[in-house]
Amino acid sequence: MQSNWWKVLGLASVASVVATGAVIARNERQRRAYSPDEIRERLHERHARAQQSRP
């Protein structure tokens, strides 16, 4: 019985690592889908918002 818990825990750990890797890969693909001009525009917008929110 004791070894079954370790097997379940091990499988759950592996599943967690795989799921995390899939999420990271998906986010990386989305990030790379932007053109350099789109990235520049978004950074300028974020900078302008940050400047407006400063006291």
C-alpha atoms as a PDB file:
ATOM      1  CA  MET A   1       0.000   0.000   0.000  1.00  0.00           C
ATOM      2  CA  GLN A   2       2.745   2.435   0.919  1.00  0.00           C
ATOM      3  CA  SER A   3       4.463   2.180  -2.465  1.00  0.00           C
ATOM      4  CA  ASN A   4       1.208   2.955  -4.288  1.00  0.00           C
ATOM      5  CA  TRP A   5       1.099   6.411  -2.733  1.00  0.00           C
ATOM      6  CA  TRP A   6       4.618   7.126  -3.960  1.00  0.00           C
ATOM      7  CA  LYS A   7       3.686   5.994  -7.453  1.00  0.00           C
ATOM      8  CA  VAL A   8       0.615   8.247  -7.483  1.00  0.00           C
ATOM      9  CA  LEU A   9       2.637  11.147  -6.142  1.00  0.00           C
ATOM     10  CA  GLY A  10       5.301  10.570  -8.780  1.00  0.00           C
ATOM     11  CA  LEU A  11       2.782  10.423 -11.607  1.00  0.00           C
ATOM     12  CA  ALA A  12       1.092  13.587 -10.341  1.00  0.00           C
ATOM     13  CA  SER A  13       4.469  15.345 -10.279  1.00  0.00           C
ATOM     14  CA  VAL A  14       5.246  14.287 -13.826  1.00  0.00           C
ATOM     15  CA  ALA A  15       1.819  15.431 -15.017  1.00  0.00           C
ATOM     16  CA  SER A  16       2.356  18.781 -13.327  1.00  0.00           C
ATOM     17  CA  VAL A  17       5.717  19.305 -15.019  1.00  0.00           C
ATOM     18  CA  VAL A  18       4.274  18.389 -18.413  1.00  0.00           C
ATOM     19  CA  ALA A  19       1.323  20.744 -17.974  1.00  0.00           C
ATOM     20  CA  THR A  20       3.587  23.603 -16.900  1.00  0.00           C
ATOM     21  CA  GLY A  21       5.818  23.028 -19.913  1.00  0.00           C
ATOM     22  CA  ALA A  22       2.812  23.103 -22.233  1.00  0.00           C
ATOM     23  CA  VAL A  23       1.619  26.416 -20.792  1.00  0.00           C
ATOM     24  CA  ILE A  24       5.083  27.954 -21.114  1.00  0.00           C
ATOM     25  CA  ALA A  25       5.392  26.762 -24.709  1.00  0.00           C
ATOM     26  CA  ARG A  26       1.978  28.186 -25.589  1.00  0.00           C
ATOM     27  CA  ASN A  27       2.825  31.563 -24.049  1.00  0.00           C
ATOM     28  CA  GLU A  28       6.141  31.636 -25.879  1.00  0.00           C
ATOM     29  CA  ARG A  29       4.428  30.972 -29.215  1.00  0.00           C
ATOM     30  CA  GLN A  30       1.964  33.789 -28.563  1.00  0.00           C
ATOM     31  CA  ARG A  31       4.768  36.150 -27.584  1.00  0.00           C
ATOM     32  CA  ARG A  32       6.758  35.387 -30.717  1.00  0.00           C
ATOM     33  CA  ALA A  33       3.701  35.983 -32.903  1.00  0.00           C
ATOM     34  CA  TYR A  34       4.041  39.754 -32.472  1.00  0.00           C
ATOM     35  CA  SER A  35       5.898  41.757 -35.080  1.00  0.00           C
ATOM     36  CA  PRO A  36       8.667  44.085 -33.885  1.00  0.00           C
ATOM     37  CA  ASP A  37       6.447  47.091 -34.632  1.00  0.00           C
ATOM     38  CA  GLU A  38       3.634  45.649 -32.503  1.00  0.00           C
ATOM     39  CA  ILE A  39       6.020  45.029 -29.623  1.00  0.00           C
ATOM     40  CA  ARG A  40       7.394  48.572 -29.865  1.00  0.00           C
ATOM     41  CA  GLU A  41       3.875  50.037 -29.923  1.00  0.00           C
ATOM     42  CA  ARG A  42       2.806  48.009 -26.889  1.00  0.00           C
ATOM     43  CA  LEU A  43       5.907  49.019 -24.955  1.00  0.00           C
ATOM     44  CA  HIS A  44       5.266  52.688 -25.745  1.00  0.00           C
ATOM     45  CA  GLU A  45       1.660  52.332 -24.549  1.00  0.00           C
ATOM     46  CA  ARG A  46       2.760  50.640 -21.307  1.00  0.00           C
ATOM     47  CA  HIS A  47       5.372  53.331 -20.716  1.00  0.00           C
ATOM     48  CA  ALA A  48       2.815  56.115 -21.272  1.00  0.00           C
ATOM     49  CA  ARG A  49       0.397  54.470 -18.805  1.00  0.00           C
ATOM     50  CA  ALA A  50       3.175  54.093 -16.249  1.00  0.00           C
ATOM     51  CA  GLN A  51       4.100  57.740 -16.593  1.00  0.00           C
ATOM     52  CA  GLN A  52       0.467  58.821 -16.123  1.00  0.00           C
ATOM     53  CA  SER A  53       0.041  56.773 -12.957  1.00  0.00           C
ATOM     54  CA  ARG A  54       3.160  58.218 -11.290  1.00  0.00           C
ATOM     55  CA  PRO A  55       2.456  60.932  -8.681  1.00  0.00           C
END
